Protein backbone atom coordinates (compact mmCIF):
# COMPACT_ATOMS: atom_id res chain seq x y z
CA MET A 1 -20.77 -13.99 -8.03
CA THR A 2 -20.35 -12.21 -11.36
CA LEU A 3 -18.65 -9.22 -11.80
CA LYS A 4 -18.28 -7.18 -14.86
CA LEU A 5 -15.18 -5.45 -15.54
CA ASP A 6 -13.07 -3.79 -18.37
CA LYS A 7 -11.06 -6.36 -20.23
CA ASP A 8 -8.05 -3.96 -20.09
CA VAL A 9 -8.53 -3.45 -16.00
CA ILE A 10 -8.78 -7.55 -16.07
CA ASP A 11 -5.78 -8.07 -18.03
CA LYS A 12 -3.51 -5.50 -15.99
CA ALA A 13 -4.67 -6.89 -12.67
CA LYS A 14 -3.92 -10.37 -13.72
CA GLU A 15 -0.40 -9.28 -14.68
CA TYR A 16 -0.09 -7.27 -11.45
CA ALA A 17 -1.31 -10.22 -9.66
CA SER A 18 1.25 -12.59 -11.44
CA THR A 19 4.10 -10.40 -10.81
CA HIS A 20 3.20 -10.46 -6.82
CA LYS A 21 2.86 -14.35 -6.90
CA GLN A 22 -0.73 -14.32 -5.93
CA SER A 23 -4.18 -15.07 -7.75
CA LEU A 24 -6.35 -12.71 -9.16
CA SER A 25 -9.03 -13.57 -6.76
CA ARG A 26 -6.73 -13.26 -3.67
CA LEU A 27 -5.49 -9.92 -4.94
CA ILE A 28 -9.29 -8.71 -5.24
CA GLU A 29 -10.17 -10.50 -2.03
CA SER A 30 -7.39 -8.49 -0.24
CA TYR A 31 -8.49 -5.15 -1.81
CA LEU A 32 -12.18 -5.65 -0.52
CA GLN A 33 -11.08 -6.67 2.73
CA SER A 34 -8.81 -3.51 3.09
CA LEU A 35 -12.31 -1.70 2.30
CA VAL A 36 -14.15 -3.34 4.93
CA ILE A 37 -11.45 -3.02 7.60
CA LYS A 38 -11.56 0.80 6.42
CA GLU A 39 -15.20 0.82 7.21
CA GLY A 40 -15.01 -0.79 10.25
CA SER A 41 -12.05 1.46 11.69
CA GLU A 42 -14.14 4.45 11.94
CA THR A 43 -16.06 3.18 14.65
CA ASP A 44 -13.05 1.38 16.17
CA ASN A 45 -10.21 3.82 16.44
CA ASP A 46 -8.22 1.23 18.92
CA GLU A 47 -6.57 -0.69 16.21
CA ILE A 48 -5.39 0.26 12.86
CA LYS A 49 -4.93 -2.46 10.58
CA ILE A 50 -2.63 -2.65 7.58
CA SER A 51 -3.38 -4.22 4.25
CA ALA A 52 -1.13 -7.23 3.02
CA PHE A 53 -0.62 -5.15 -0.16
CA VAL A 54 0.61 -2.10 2.02
CA LYS A 55 2.63 -4.54 4.09
CA SER A 56 4.49 -5.79 0.90
CA LEU A 57 5.30 -2.37 -0.13
CA SER A 58 7.56 -2.32 3.17
CA THR A 59 11.46 -1.31 2.27
CA GLY A 60 12.73 -2.69 5.75
CA VAL A 61 14.43 0.79 6.08
CA HIS A 62 14.02 2.06 9.96
CA PHE A 63 14.67 5.81 10.97
CA PRO A 64 15.50 7.13 14.39
CA ALA A 65 12.60 8.45 16.09
CA ASP A 66 14.30 11.84 16.55
CA LEU A 67 15.14 12.13 13.05
CA ASP A 68 14.56 15.88 11.86
CA THR A 69 13.07 15.47 8.50
CA LYS A 70 13.35 19.25 7.44
CA LYS A 71 16.76 19.61 8.81
CA GLU A 72 17.70 16.48 6.61
CA TYR A 73 15.79 18.00 3.71
CA PHE A 74 17.15 21.13 3.87
CA GLY A 75 20.67 19.51 3.72
CA HIS A 76 19.82 17.54 0.81
CA LEU A 77 18.86 20.69 -1.14
CA LEU A 78 21.83 22.46 -0.08
CA GLU A 79 24.26 19.65 -1.26
CA LYS A 80 22.25 19.59 -4.71
CA TYR A 81 22.34 23.08 -5.57
CA ILE A 82 25.17 24.49 -3.85
């Protein structure tokens, strides 16, 4: 298969792949797979799959299920501006 891509995009993608310790081929395969999964999920709503890239962004921080985000944000604003 041959793909024609902008040289700057290729260079930036190679750098990105390198910093994430994976090959450019694997990076592209993961992206294309996420598109295919996304397309397939429109008919199958029972299972939502998260791409490896999105999983890699996880911070490991867990929030309580009953967290009142509006209250927390309002408290943050009060501390910041008052």
